[in-house]
PDB file of N, CA and C in Angstrom:
ATOM      1  N   MET A   1      17.690 -30.893  -7.568  1.00  0.00           N
ATOM      2  CA  MET A   1      18.167 -29.616  -8.052  1.00  0.00           C
ATOM      3  C   MET A   1      17.008 -28.623  -8.174  1.00  0.00           C
ATOM      4  N   LYS A   2      15.870 -29.083  -8.701  1.00  0.00           N
ATOM      5  CA  LYS A   2      14.719 -28.208  -8.848  1.00  0.00           C
ATOM      6  C   LYS A   2      14.229 -27.729  -7.483  1.00  0.00           C
ATOM      7  N   LYS A   3      14.327 -28.605  -6.506  1.00  0.00           N
ATOM      8  CA  LYS A   3      13.890 -28.267  -5.162  1.00  0.00           C
ATOM      9  C   LYS A   3      14.756 -27.137  -4.589  1.00  0.00           C
ATOM     10  N   HIS A   4      16.045 -27.184  -4.832  1.00  0.00           N
ATOM     11  CA  HIS A   4      16.960 -26.149  -4.348  1.00  0.00           C
ATOM     12  C   HIS A   4      16.677 -24.809  -5.018  1.00  0.00           C
ATOM     13  N   ILE A   5      16.404 -24.849  -6.292  1.00  0.00           N
ATOM     14  CA  ILE A   5      16.104 -23.620  -7.021  1.00  0.00           C
ATOM     15  C   ILE A   5      14.801 -23.011  -6.510  1.00  0.00           C
ATOM     16  N   LEU A   6      13.818 -23.852  -6.271  1.00  0.00           N
ATOM     17  CA  LEU A   6      12.538 -23.378  -5.758  1.00  0.00           C
ATOM     18  C   LEU A   6      12.714 -22.749  -4.377  1.00  0.00           C
ATOM     19  N   ILE A   7      13.437 -23.396  -3.505  1.00  0.00           N
ATOM     20  CA  ILE A   7      13.672 -22.871  -2.159  1.00  0.00           C
ATOM     21  C   ILE A   7      14.424 -21.546  -2.228  1.00  0.00           C
ATOM     22  N   PHE A   8      15.450 -21.494  -3.069  1.00  0.00           N
ATOM     23  CA  PHE A   8      16.218 -20.265  -3.217  1.00  0.00           C
ATOM     24  C   PHE A   8      15.347 -19.119  -3.723  1.00  0.00           C
ATOM     25  N   SER A   9      14.490 -19.398  -4.703  1.00  0.00           N
ATOM     26  CA  SER A   9      13.648 -18.345  -5.257  1.00  0.00           C
ATOM     27  C   SER A   9      12.624 -17.862  -4.233  1.00  0.00           C
ATOM     28  N   VAL A  10      12.088 -18.760  -3.420  1.00  0.00           N
ATOM     29  CA  VAL A  10      11.140 -18.367  -2.377  1.00  0.00           C
ATOM     30  C   VAL A  10      11.834 -17.467  -1.353  1.00  0.00           C
ATOM     31  N   PHE A  11      13.026 -17.840  -0.911  1.00  0.00           N
ATOM     32  CA  PHE A  11      13.763 -17.017   0.041  1.00  0.00           C
ATOM     33  C   PHE A  11      14.142 -15.674  -0.564  1.00  0.00           C
ATOM     34  N   SER A  12      14.453 -15.647  -1.832  1.00  0.00           N
ATOM     35  CA  SER A  12      14.786 -14.390  -2.506  1.00  0.00           C
ATOM     36  C   SER A  12      13.590 -13.455  -2.516  1.00  0.00           C
ATOM     37  N   LEU A  13      12.436 -13.990  -2.851  1.00  0.00           N
ATOM     38  CA  LEU A  13      11.233 -13.174  -2.873  1.00  0.00           C
ATOM     39  C   LEU A  13      10.876 -12.661  -1.485  1.00  0.00           C
ATOM     40  N   LEU A  14      11.027 -13.502  -0.483  1.00  0.00           N
ATOM     41  CA  LEU A  14      10.738 -13.073   0.888  1.00  0.00           C
ATOM     42  C   LEU A  14      11.694 -11.976   1.341  1.00  0.00           C
ATOM     43  N   SER A  15      12.955 -12.118   1.007  1.00  0.00           N
ATOM     44  CA  SER A  15      13.920 -11.098   1.424  1.00  0.00           C
ATOM     45  C   SER A  15      13.660  -9.774   0.726  1.00  0.00           C
ATOM     46  N   VAL A  16      13.280  -9.821  -0.544  1.00  0.00           N
ATOM     47  CA  VAL A  16      12.946  -8.590  -1.266  1.00  0.00           C
ATOM     48  C   VAL A  16      11.714  -7.947  -0.651  1.00  0.00           C
ATOM     49  N   ALA A  17      10.713  -8.742  -0.317  1.00  0.00           N
ATOM     50  CA  ALA A  17       9.494  -8.207   0.288  1.00  0.00           C
ATOM     51  C   ALA A  17       9.781  -7.587   1.650  1.00  0.00           C
ATOM     52  N   LEU A  18      10.597  -8.237   2.456  1.00  0.00           N
ATOM     53  CA  LEU A  18      10.942  -7.689   3.762  1.00  0.00           C
ATOM     54  C   LEU A  18      11.766  -6.419   3.637  1.00  0.00           C
ATOM     55  N   TYR A  19      12.687  -6.389   2.681  1.00  0.00           N
ATOM     56  CA  TYR A  19      13.497  -5.199   2.472  1.00  0.00           C
ATOM     57  C   TYR A  19      12.625  -4.042   2.008  1.00  0.00           C
ATOM     58  N   ALA A  20      11.674  -4.316   1.144  1.00  0.00           N
ATOM     59  CA  ALA A  20      10.797  -3.264   0.633  1.00  0.00           C
ATOM     60  C   ALA A  20       9.963  -2.658   1.754  1.00  0.00           C
ATOM     61  N   GLN A  21       9.587  -3.474   2.727  1.00  0.00           N
ATOM     62  CA  GLN A  21       8.800  -2.954   3.838  1.00  0.00           C
ATOM     63  C   GLN A  21       9.632  -2.048   4.732  1.00  0.00           C
ATOM     64  N   GLU A  22      10.911  -2.284   4.829  1.00  0.00           N
ATOM     65  CA  GLU A  22      11.777  -1.498   5.703  1.00  0.00           C
ATOM     66  C   GLU A  22      12.620  -0.493   4.924  1.00  0.00           C
ATOM     67  N   ALA A  23      12.301  -0.272   3.669  1.00  0.00           N
ATOM     68  CA  ALA A  23      13.105   0.619   2.853  1.00  0.00           C
ATOM     69  C   ALA A  23      12.904   2.086   3.228  1.00  0.00           C
ATOM     70  N   THR A  24      11.904   2.392   4.034  1.00  0.00           N
ATOM     71  CA  THR A  24      11.614   3.772   4.389  1.00  0.00           C
ATOM     72  C   THR A  24      11.465   3.938   5.909  1.00  0.00           C
ATOM     73  N   PRO A  25      12.514   3.682   6.670  1.00  0.00           N
ATOM     74  CA  PRO A  25      12.367   3.784   8.122  1.00  0.00           C
ATOM     75  C   PRO A  25      12.076   5.209   8.593  1.00  0.00           C
ATOM     76  N   ARG A  26      12.634   6.207   7.934  1.00  0.00           N
ATOM     77  CA  ARG A  26      12.377   7.595   8.321  1.00  0.00           C
ATOM     78  C   ARG A  26      10.910   7.933   8.088  1.00  0.00           C
ATOM     79  N   VAL A  27      10.396   7.510   6.949  1.00  0.00           N
ATOM     80  CA  VAL A  27       8.991   7.753   6.622  1.00  0.00           C
ATOM     81  C   VAL A  27       8.097   7.080   7.657  1.00  0.00           C
ATOM     82  N   ASN A  28       8.415   5.849   8.004  1.00  0.00           N
ATOM     83  CA  ASN A  28       7.605   5.115   8.984  1.00  0.00           C
ATOM     84  C   ASN A  28       7.627   5.802  10.349  1.00  0.00           C
ATOM     85  N   GLY A  29       8.784   6.292  10.759  1.00  0.00           N
ATOM     86  CA  GLY A  29       8.896   6.994  12.036  1.00  0.00           C
ATOM     87  C   GLY A  29       8.080   8.270  12.057  1.00  0.00           C
ATOM     88  N   ARG A  30       8.131   9.008  10.962  1.00  0.00           N
ATOM     89  CA  ARG A  30       7.354  10.244  10.882  1.00  0.00           C
ATOM     90  C   ARG A  30       5.860   9.949  10.891  1.00  0.00           C
ATOM     91  N   GLN A  31       5.451   8.888  10.195  1.00  0.00           N
ATOM     92  CA  GLN A  31       4.037   8.514  10.185  1.00  0.00           C
ATOM     93  C   GLN A  31       3.555   8.213  11.603  1.00  0.00           C
ATOM     94  N   LYS A  32       4.355   7.471  12.326  1.00  0.00           N
ATOM     95  CA  LYS A  32       3.981   7.114  13.693  1.00  0.00           C
ATOM     96  C   LYS A  32       3.871   8.369  14.559  1.00  0.00           C
ATOM     97  N   ALA A  33       4.835   9.259  14.440  1.00  0.00           N
ATOM     98  CA  ALA A  33       4.818  10.494  15.232  1.00  0.00           C
ATOM     99  C   ALA A  33       3.602  11.348  14.891  1.00  0.00           C
ATOM    100  N   GLN A  34       3.248  11.413  13.622  1.00  0.00           N
ATOM    101  CA  GLN A  34       2.085  12.209  13.227  1.00  0.00           C
ATOM    102  C   GLN A  34       0.791  11.585  13.744  1.00  0.00           C
ATOM    103  N   ARG A  35       0.691  10.254  13.709  1.00  0.00           N
ATOM    104  CA  ARG A  35      -0.506   9.598  14.257  1.00  0.00           C
ATOM    105  C   ARG A  35      -0.635   9.883  15.746  1.00  0.00           C
ATOM    106  N   VAL A  36       0.497   9.879  16.463  1.00  0.00           N
ATOM    107  CA  VAL A  36       0.482  10.155  17.904  1.00  0.00           C
ATOM    108  C   VAL A  36       0.030  11.596  18.147  1.00  0.00           C
ATOM    109  N   ARG A  37       0.537  12.539  17.356  1.00  0.00           N
ATOM    110  CA  ARG A  37       0.160  13.941  17.518  1.00  0.00           C
ATOM    111  C   ARG A  37      -1.329  14.145  17.275  1.00  0.00           C
ATOM    112  N   ILE A  38      -1.884  13.442  16.295  1.00  0.00           N
ATOM    113  CA  ILE A  38      -3.323  13.553  16.023  1.00  0.00           C
ATOM    114  C   ILE A  38      -4.118  12.996  17.204  1.00  0.00           C
ATOM    115  N   ALA A  39      -3.701  11.839  17.709  1.00  0.00           N
ATOM    116  CA  ALA A  39      -4.404  11.229  18.848  1.00  0.00           C
ATOM    117  C   ALA A  39      -4.317  12.116  20.082  1.00  0.00           C
ATOM    118  N   GLU A  40      -3.153  12.708  20.328  1.00  0.00           N
ATOM    119  CA  GLU A  40      -3.000  13.612  21.477  1.00  0.00           C
ATOM    120  C   GLU A  40      -3.864  14.851  21.317  1.00  0.00           C
ATOM    121  N   GLY A  41      -3.908  15.388  20.110  1.00  0.00           N
ATOM    122  CA  GLY A  41      -4.734  16.565  19.855  1.00  0.00           C
ATOM    123  C   GLY A  41      -6.202  16.270  20.070  1.00  0.00           C
ATOM    124  N   ARG A  42      -6.621  15.094  19.686  1.00  0.00           N
ATOM    125  CA  ARG A  42      -8.016  14.695  19.896  1.00  0.00           C
ATOM    126  C   ARG A  42      -8.300  14.515  21.388  1.00  0.00           C
ATOM    127  N   ALA A  43      -7.372  13.889  22.101  1.00  0.00           N
ATOM    128  CA  ALA A  43      -7.564  13.649  23.536  1.00  0.00           C
ATOM    129  C   ALA A  43      -7.556  14.963  24.321  1.00  0.00           C
ATOM    130  N   ASP A  44      -6.724  15.915  23.909  1.00  0.00           N
ATOM    131  CA  ASP A  44      -6.625  17.199  24.612  1.00  0.00           C
ATOM    132  C   ASP A  44      -7.764  18.146  24.252  1.00  0.00           C
ATOM    133  N   GLY A  45      -8.495  17.837  23.209  1.00  0.00           N
ATOM    134  CA  GLY A  45      -9.558  18.723  22.762  1.00  0.00           C
ATOM    135  C   GLY A  45      -9.071  19.798  21.812  1.00  0.00           C
ATOM    136  N   ASP A  46      -7.817  19.725  21.390  1.00  0.00           N
ATOM    137  CA  ASP A  46      -7.280  20.691  20.432  1.00  0.00           C
ATOM    138  C   ASP A  46      -7.816  20.451  19.031  1.00  0.00           C
ATOM    139  N   LEU A  47      -8.260  19.234  18.754  1.00  0.00           N
ATOM    140  CA  LEU A  47      -8.790  18.876  17.450  1.00  0.00           C
ATOM    141  C   LEU A  47     -10.254  18.473  17.583  1.00  0.00           C
ATOM    142  N   THR A  48     -11.060  18.949  16.665  1.00  0.00           N
ATOM    143  CA  THR A  48     -12.454  18.518  16.628  1.00  0.00           C
ATOM    144  C   THR A  48     -12.533  17.177  15.902  1.00  0.00           C
ATOM    145  N   ASN A  49     -13.695  16.552  15.955  1.00  0.00           N
ATOM    146  CA  ASN A  49     -13.878  15.289  15.232  1.00  0.00           C
ATOM    147  C   ASN A  49     -13.638  15.481  13.744  1.00  0.00           C
ATOM    148  N   ARG A  50     -14.141  16.575  13.203  1.00  0.00           N
ATOM    149  CA  ARG A  50     -13.987  16.836  11.773  1.00  0.00           C
ATOM    150  C   ARG A  50     -12.515  17.031  11.404  1.00  0.00           C
ATOM    151  N   GLU A  51     -11.781  17.778  12.220  1.00  0.00           N
ATOM    152  CA  GLU A  51     -10.349  17.992  11.957  1.00  0.00           C
ATOM    153  C   GLU A  51      -9.577  16.677  12.037  1.00  0.00           C
ATOM    154  N   ALA A  52      -9.869  15.888  13.073  1.00  0.00           N
ATOM    155  CA  ALA A  52      -9.179  14.609  13.231  1.00  0.00           C
ATOM    156  C   ALA A  52      -9.481  13.673  12.064  1.00  0.00           C
ATOM    157  N   THR A  53     -10.719  13.680  11.601  1.00  0.00           N
ATOM    158  CA  THR A  53     -11.088  12.843  10.459  1.00  0.00           C
ATOM    159  C   THR A  53     -10.320  13.261   9.211  1.00  0.00           C
ATOM    160  N   ALA A  54     -10.230  14.563   8.976  1.00  0.00           N
ATOM    161  CA  ALA A  54      -9.503  15.061   7.805  1.00  0.00           C
ATOM    162  C   ALA A  54      -8.015  14.728   7.901  1.00  0.00           C
ATOM    163  N   LEU A  55      -7.445  14.861   9.088  1.00  0.00           N
ATOM    164  CA  LEU A  55      -6.023  14.556   9.280  1.00  0.00           C
ATOM    165  C   LEU A  55      -5.755  13.067   9.104  1.00  0.00           C
ATOM    166  N   ASN A  56      -6.640  12.233   9.620  1.00  0.00           N
ATOM    167  CA  ASN A  56      -6.475  10.782   9.445  1.00  0.00           C
ATOM    168  C   ASN A  56      -6.622  10.377   7.979  1.00  0.00           C
ATOM    169  N   GLN A  57      -7.502  11.058   7.271  1.00  0.00           N
ATOM    170  CA  GLN A  57      -7.645  10.785   5.836  1.00  0.00           C
ATOM    171  C   GLN A  57      -6.356  11.161   5.101  1.00  0.00           C
ATOM    172  N   GLN A  58      -5.743  12.266   5.498  1.00  0.00           N
ATOM    173  CA  GLN A  58      -4.472  12.672   4.903  1.00  0.00           C
ATOM    174  C   GLN A  58      -3.389  11.628   5.196  1.00  0.00           C
ATOM    175  N   GLN A  59      -3.382  11.062   6.392  1.00  0.00           N
ATOM    176  CA  GLN A  59      -2.412  10.022   6.752  1.00  0.00           C
ATOM    177  C   GLN A  59      -2.642   8.758   5.919  1.00  0.00           C
ATOM    178  N   ARG A  60      -3.904   8.397   5.694  1.00  0.00           N
ATOM    179  CA  ARG A  60      -4.199   7.236   4.844  1.00  0.00           C
ATOM    180  C   ARG A  60      -3.687   7.443   3.433  1.00  0.00           C
ATOM    181  N   HIS A  61      -3.816   8.661   2.931  1.00  0.00           N
ATOM    182  CA  HIS A  61      -3.329   8.968   1.591  1.00  0.00           C
ATOM    183  C   HIS A  61      -1.810   8.815   1.517  1.00  0.00           C
ATOM    184  N   ILE A  62      -1.108   9.235   2.553  1.00  0.00           N
ATOM    185  CA  ILE A  62       0.353   9.094   2.595  1.00  0.00           C
ATOM    186  C   ILE A  62       0.730   7.617   2.645  1.00  0.00           C
ATOM    187  N   ARG A  63       0.028   6.830   3.470  1.00  0.00           N
ATOM    188  CA  ARG A  63       0.315   5.392   3.548  1.00  0.00           C
ATOM    189  C   ARG A  63       0.077   4.710   2.204  1.00  0.00           C
ATOM    190  N   ARG A  64      -0.974   5.117   1.512  1.00  0.00           N
ATOM    191  CA  ARG A  64      -1.269   4.545   0.200  1.00  0.00           C
ATOM    192  C   ARG A  64      -0.151   4.883  -0.800  1.00  0.00           C
ATOM    193  N   THR A  65       0.331   6.111  -0.753  1.00  0.00           N
ATOM    194  CA  THR A  65       1.432   6.514  -1.623  1.00  0.00           C
ATOM    195  C   THR A  65       2.677   5.695  -1.312  1.00  0.00           C
ATOM    196  N   GLU A  66       2.934   5.465  -0.027  1.00  0.00           N
ATOM    197  CA  GLU A  66       4.101   4.672   0.368  1.00  0.00           C
ATOM    198  C   GLU A  66       3.965   3.221  -0.106  1.00  0.00           C
ATOM    199  N   ARG A  67       2.791   2.639   0.037  1.00  0.00           N
ATOM    200  CA  ARG A  67       2.576   1.261  -0.430  1.00  0.00           C
ATOM    201  C   ARG A  67       2.796   1.140  -1.934  1.00  0.00           C
ATOM    202  N   ARG A  68       2.316   2.124  -2.676  1.00  0.00           N
ATOM    203  CA  ARG A  68       2.517   2.110  -4.129  1.00  0.00           C
ATOM    204  C   ARG A  68       3.989   2.216  -4.483  1.00  0.00           C
ATOM    205  N   ALA A  69       4.720   3.044  -3.726  1.00  0.00           N
ATOM    206  CA  ALA A  69       6.151   3.195  -3.993  1.00  0.00           C
ATOM    207  C   ALA A  69       6.892   1.894  -3.705  1.00  0.00           C
ATOM    208  N   LYS A  70       6.465   1.158  -2.688  1.00  0.00           N
ATOM    209  CA  LYS A  70       7.125  -0.084  -2.304  1.00  0.00           C
ATOM    210  C   LYS A  70       6.679  -1.280  -3.144  1.00  0.00           C
ATOM    211  N   ALA A  71       5.649  -1.121  -3.934  1.00  0.00           N
ATOM    212  CA  ALA A  71       5.056  -2.246  -4.653  1.00  0.00           C
ATOM    213  C   ALA A  71       6.045  -2.965  -5.569  1.00  0.00           C
ATOM    214  N   ASP A  72       6.953  -2.236  -6.175  1.00  0.00           N
ATOM    215  CA  ASP A  72       7.906  -2.878  -7.086  1.00  0.00           C
ATOM    216  C   ASP A  72       9.168  -3.346  -6.364  1.00  0.00           C
ATOM    217  N   GLY A  73       9.220  -3.150  -5.049  1.00  0.00           N
ATOM    218  CA  GLY A  73      10.361  -3.616  -4.270  1.00  0.00           C
ATOM    219  C   GLY A  73      11.484  -2.615  -4.169  1.00  0.00           C
ATOM    220  N   ASN A  74      11.328  -1.446  -4.786  1.00  0.00           N
ATOM    221  CA  ASN A  74      12.384  -0.446  -4.765  1.00  0.00           C
ATOM    222  C   ASN A  74      11.752   0.935  -4.648  1.00  0.00           C
ATOM    223  N   VAL A  75      12.107   1.680  -3.608  1.00  0.00           N
ATOM    224  CA  VAL A  75      11.619   3.035  -3.427  1.00  0.00           C
ATOM    225  C   VAL A  75      12.689   3.973  -3.984  1.00  0.00           C
ATOM    226  N   THR A  76      12.366   4.657  -5.059  1.00  0.00           N
ATOM    227  CA  THR A  76      13.335   5.545  -5.689  1.00  0.00           C
ATOM    228  C   THR A  76      13.457   6.841  -4.895  1.00  0.00           C
ATOM    229  N   VAL A  77      14.467   7.615  -5.222  1.00  0.00           N
ATOM    230  CA  VAL A  77      14.688   8.898  -4.562  1.00  0.00           C
ATOM    231  C   VAL A  77      13.503   9.823  -4.819  1.00  0.00           C
ATOM    232  N   ALA A  78      12.991   9.820  -6.043  1.00  0.00           N
ATOM    233  CA  ALA A  78      11.847  10.677  -6.381  1.00  0.00           C
ATOM    234  C   ALA A  78      10.607  10.265  -5.583  1.00  0.00           C
ATOM    235  N   GLU A  79      10.381   8.962  -5.441  1.00  0.00           N
ATOM    236  CA  GLU A  79       9.232   8.487  -4.662  1.00  0.00           C
ATOM    237  C   GLU A  79       9.384   8.873  -3.195  1.00  0.00           C
ATOM    238  N   ARG A  80      10.587   8.741  -2.673  1.00  0.00           N
ATOM    239  CA  ARG A  80      10.838   9.105  -1.278  1.00  0.00           C
ATOM    240  C   ARG A  80      10.608  10.603  -1.074  1.00  0.00           C
ATOM    241  N   ARG A  81      11.074  11.426  -2.015  1.00  0.00           N
ATOM    242  CA  ARG A  81      10.859  12.883  -1.920  1.00  0.00           C
ATOM    243  C   ARG A  81       9.367  13.206  -1.938  1.00  0.00           C
ATOM    244  N   LYS A  82       8.625  12.522  -2.794  1.00  0.00           N
ATOM    245  CA  LYS A  82       7.187  12.756  -2.891  1.00  0.00           C
ATOM    246  C   LYS A  82       6.501  12.436  -1.566  1.00  0.00           C
ATOM    247  N   ILE A  83       6.867  11.311  -0.970  1.00  0.00           N
ATOM    248  CA  ILE A  83       6.282  10.918   0.312  1.00  0.00           C
ATOM    249  C   ILE A  83       6.658  11.935   1.390  1.00  0.00           C
ATOM    250  N   GLU A  84       7.913  12.347   1.410  1.00  0.00           N
ATOM    251  CA  GLU A  84       8.362  13.308   2.423  1.00  0.00           C
ATOM    252  C   GLU A  84       7.694  14.669   2.249  1.00  0.00           C
ATOM    253  N   ARG A  85       7.451  15.085   1.014  1.00  0.00           N
ATOM    254  CA  ARG A  85       6.726  16.342   0.782  1.00  0.00           C
ATOM    255  C   ARG A  85       5.309  16.245   1.334  1.00  0.00           C
ATOM    256  N   LYS A  86       4.673  15.101   1.122  1.00  0.00           N
ATOM    257  CA  LYS A  86       3.323  14.907   1.652  1.00  0.00           C
ATOM    258  C   LYS A  86       3.340  14.911   3.176  1.00  0.00           C
ATOM    259  N   GLN A  87       4.378  14.326   3.765  1.00  0.00           N
ATOM    260  CA  GLN A  87       4.478  14.327   5.220  1.00  0.00           C
ATOM    261  C   GLN A  87       4.742  15.735   5.752  1.00  0.00           C
ATOM    262  N   ASP A  88       5.548  16.506   5.042  1.00  0.00           N
ATOM    263  CA  ASP A  88       5.786  17.897   5.447  1.00  0.00           C
ATOM    264  C   ASP A  88       4.475  18.679   5.442  1.00  0.00           C
ATOM    265  N   ARG A  89       3.695  18.482   4.386  1.00  0.00           N
ATOM    266  CA  ARG A  89       2.401  19.164   4.284  1.00  0.00           C
ATOM    267  C   ARG A  89       1.481  18.724   5.422  1.00  0.00           C
ATOM    268  N   ALA A  90       1.466  17.425   5.709  1.00  0.00           N
ATOM    269  CA  ALA A  90       0.633  16.907   6.797  1.00  0.00           C
ATOM    270  C   ALA A  90       1.083  17.463   8.134  1.00  0.00           C
ATOM    271  N   ASN A  91       2.384  17.592   8.315  1.00  0.00           N
ATOM    272  CA  ASN A  91       2.924  18.141   9.551  1.00  0.00           C
ATOM    273  C   ASN A  91       2.419  19.568   9.779  1.00  0.00           C
ATOM    274  N   ARG A  92       2.462  20.385   8.728  1.00  0.00           N
ATOM    275  CA  ARG A  92       1.965  21.761   8.838  1.00  0.00           C
ATOM    276  C   ARG A  92       0.465  21.775   9.114  1.00  0.00           C
ATOM    277  N   THR A  93      -0.262  20.888   8.465  1.00  0.00           N
ATOM    278  CA  THR A  93      -1.714  20.830   8.651  1.00  0.00           C
ATOM    279  C   THR A  93      -2.062  20.437  10.083  1.00  0.00           C
ATOM    280  N   ILE A  94      -1.341  19.476  10.628  1.00  0.00           N
ATOM    281  CA  ILE A  94      -1.577  19.062  12.019  1.00  0.00           C
ATOM    282  C   ILE A  94      -1.299  20.229  12.955  1.00  0.00           C
ATOM    283  N   HIS A  95      -0.182  20.902  12.745  1.00  0.00           N
ATOM    284  CA  HIS A  95       0.185  22.040  13.604  1.00  0.00           C
ATOM    285  C   HIS A  95      -0.895  23.117  13.553  1.00  0.00           C
ATOM    286  N   ARG A  96      -1.341  23.463  12.353  1.00  0.00           N
ATOM    287  CA  ARG A  96      -2.360  24.509  12.219  1.00  0.00           C
ATOM    288  C   ARG A  96      -3.677  24.095  12.860  1.00  0.00           C
ATOM    289  N   ALA A  97      -4.064  22.852  12.678  1.00  0.00           N
ATOM    290  CA  ALA A  97      -5.334  22.380  13.239  1.00  0.00           C
ATOM    291  C   ALA A  97      -5.293  22.358  14.764  1.00  0.00           C
ATOM    292  N   LYS A  98      -4.149  21.992  15.333  1.00  0.00           N
ATOM    293  CA  LYS A  98      -4.043  21.935  16.789  1.00  0.00           C
ATOM    294  C   LYS A  98      -3.949  23.324  17.417  1.00  0.00           C
ATOM    295  N   ASN A  99      -3.533  24.318  16.644  1.00  0.00           N
ATOM    296  CA  ASN A  99      -3.304  25.656  17.210  1.00  0.00           C
ATOM    297  C   ASN A  99      -4.240  26.710  16.643  1.00  0.00           C
ATOM    298  N   ASN A 100      -5.382  26.329  16.128  1.00  0.00           N
ATOM    299  CA  ASN A 100      -6.271  27.298  15.514  1.00  0.00           C
ATOM    300  C   ASN A 100      -7.358  27.815  16.434  1.00  0.00           C
ATOM    301  N   SER A 101      -7.386  27.384  17.671  1.00  0.00           N
ATOM    302  CA  SER A 101      -8.424  27.845  18.584  1.00  0.00           C
ATOM    303  C   SER A 101      -8.047  29.212  19.150  1.00  0.00           C
ATOM    304  N   ILE A 102      -9.067  29.988  19.458  1.00  0.00           N
ATOM    305  CA  ILE A 102      -8.854  31.314  20.037  1.00  0.00           C
ATOM    306  C   ILE A 102      -8.787  31.159  21.549  1.00  0.00           C
ATOM    307  N   GLN A 103      -7.683  31.619  22.110  1.00  0.00           N
ATOM    308  CA  GLN A 103      -7.493  31.520  23.550  1.00  0.00           C
ATOM    309  C   GLN A 103      -8.167  32.696  24.247  1.00  0.00           C
ATOM    310  N   PRO A 104      -8.866  32.448  25.350  1.00  0.00           N
ATOM    311  CA  PRO A 104      -9.509  33.560  26.078  1.00  0.00           C
ATOM    312  C   PRO A 104      -8.454  34.444  26.718  1.00  0.00           C
ATOM    313  N   ASN A 105      -8.753  35.736  26.777  1.00  0.00           N
ATOM    314  CA  ASN A 105      -7.834  36.675  27.437  1.00  0.00           C
ATOM    315  C   ASN A 105      -8.023  36.612  28.940  1.00  0.00           C
ATOM    316  N   ASN A 106      -6.940  36.474  29.666  1.00  0.00           N
ATOM    317  CA  ASN A 106      -7.021  36.404  31.129  1.00  0.00           C
ATOM    318  C   ASN A 106      -6.536  37.684  31.745  1.00  0.00           C
TER     319      ASN A 106
END
């Protein structure tokens, strides 16, 4: 009987941990898209090393916020809003950094 309870509790903990990791699929998708945009901007020369470093640091901060929100196994609506606000801010920052160069007049 003790063995069954132990097995059940282990599976319960694993399922909660897996659910917590996938509790924010929209956030994860946006993070991936923003990382791709930063990499493309760096490859195209639209972003300098300093800009890319600052943008990547902002992405790390968002990931850290997401990990903290998932730590208890439940991402609340307020936590999700906070993460999405940070992603919105990062999105604007990426756009501005990629489009801040002065184009020569032809």
